[in-house]
């Protein structure tokens, strides 16, 4: 985040998520639940690709 701040740029959404949590007085669950869900879905898609969709 320091590099993006120094260059006056934001790498959305990764850099802006903690700012949204802090400025809007949200709980960290507001940020962690979607990230955990995305991580689980990504892992499931990877497993499906590795073991389920490769019949050849």
Protein backbone atom coordinates (compact mmCIF):
# COMPACT_ATOMS: atom_id res chain seq x y z
CA UNK A 1 0.00 0.00 0.00
CA UNK A 2 2.89 2.31 0.62
CA UNK A 3 4.03 2.07 -3.01
CA UNK A 4 0.55 2.80 -4.32
CA UNK A 5 0.26 5.72 -1.92
CA UNK A 6 3.62 7.08 -3.02
CA UNK A 7 2.59 6.93 -6.68
CA UNK A 8 -0.93 8.24 -5.92
CA UNK A 9 -2.58 5.13 -7.35
CA UNK A 10 -4.89 2.46 -5.97
CA UNK A 11 -4.95 -1.17 -7.00
CA UNK A 12 -8.65 -1.75 -6.64
CA UNK A 13 -10.17 -3.58 -4.83
CA UNK A 14 -7.25 -4.91 -2.81
CA UNK A 15 -5.98 -1.57 -1.53
CA UNK A 16 -9.35 0.02 -0.97
CA UNK A 17 -10.96 -2.79 1.07
CA UNK A 18 -9.21 -2.03 4.39
CA UNK A 19 -9.92 1.67 3.88
CA UNK A 20 -13.64 0.94 3.43
CA UNK A 21 -13.67 -1.20 6.58
CA UNK A 22 -11.98 1.49 8.68
CA UNK A 23 -13.77 4.55 7.32
CA UNK A 24 -17.26 3.03 7.44
CA UNK A 25 -16.73 1.48 10.88
CA UNK A 26 -17.42 -2.01 9.56
CA UNK A 27 -16.39 -5.21 11.29
CA UNK A 28 -13.53 -7.21 9.80
CA UNK A 29 -16.10 -9.94 9.04
CA UNK A 30 -17.43 -7.57 6.38
CA UNK A 31 -14.12 -8.06 4.58
CA UNK A 32 -13.16 -11.61 5.57
CA UNK A 33 -16.41 -13.43 4.72
CA UNK A 34 -16.37 -12.54 0.99
CA UNK A 35 -12.64 -13.25 0.82
CA UNK A 36 -13.07 -16.65 2.48
CA UNK A 37 -15.97 -17.50 0.20
CA UNK A 38 -13.93 -16.50 -2.85
CA UNK A 39 -10.98 -18.58 -1.66
CA UNK A 40 -13.16 -21.65 -1.12
CA UNK A 41 -14.81 -21.25 -4.53
CA UNK A 42 -11.43 -20.84 -6.19
CA UNK A 43 -10.13 -23.99 -4.50
CA UNK A 44 -13.25 -25.95 -5.49
CA UNK A 45 -12.95 -24.80 -9.10
CA UNK A 46 -9.30 -25.86 -9.09
CA UNK A 47 -10.15 -29.29 -7.71
CA UNK A 48 -12.97 -29.71 -10.19
CA UNK A 49 -10.65 -28.75 -13.02
CA UNK A 50 -7.90 -31.05 -11.81
CA UNK A 51 -9.98 -34.14 -11.06
CA UNK A 52 -13.46 -33.67 -12.49
CA UNK A 53 -13.30 -32.05 -15.88
CA UNK A 54 -10.21 -33.69 -17.34
CA UNK A 55 -11.56 -36.89 -18.87
CA UNK A 56 -8.98 -37.06 -21.66
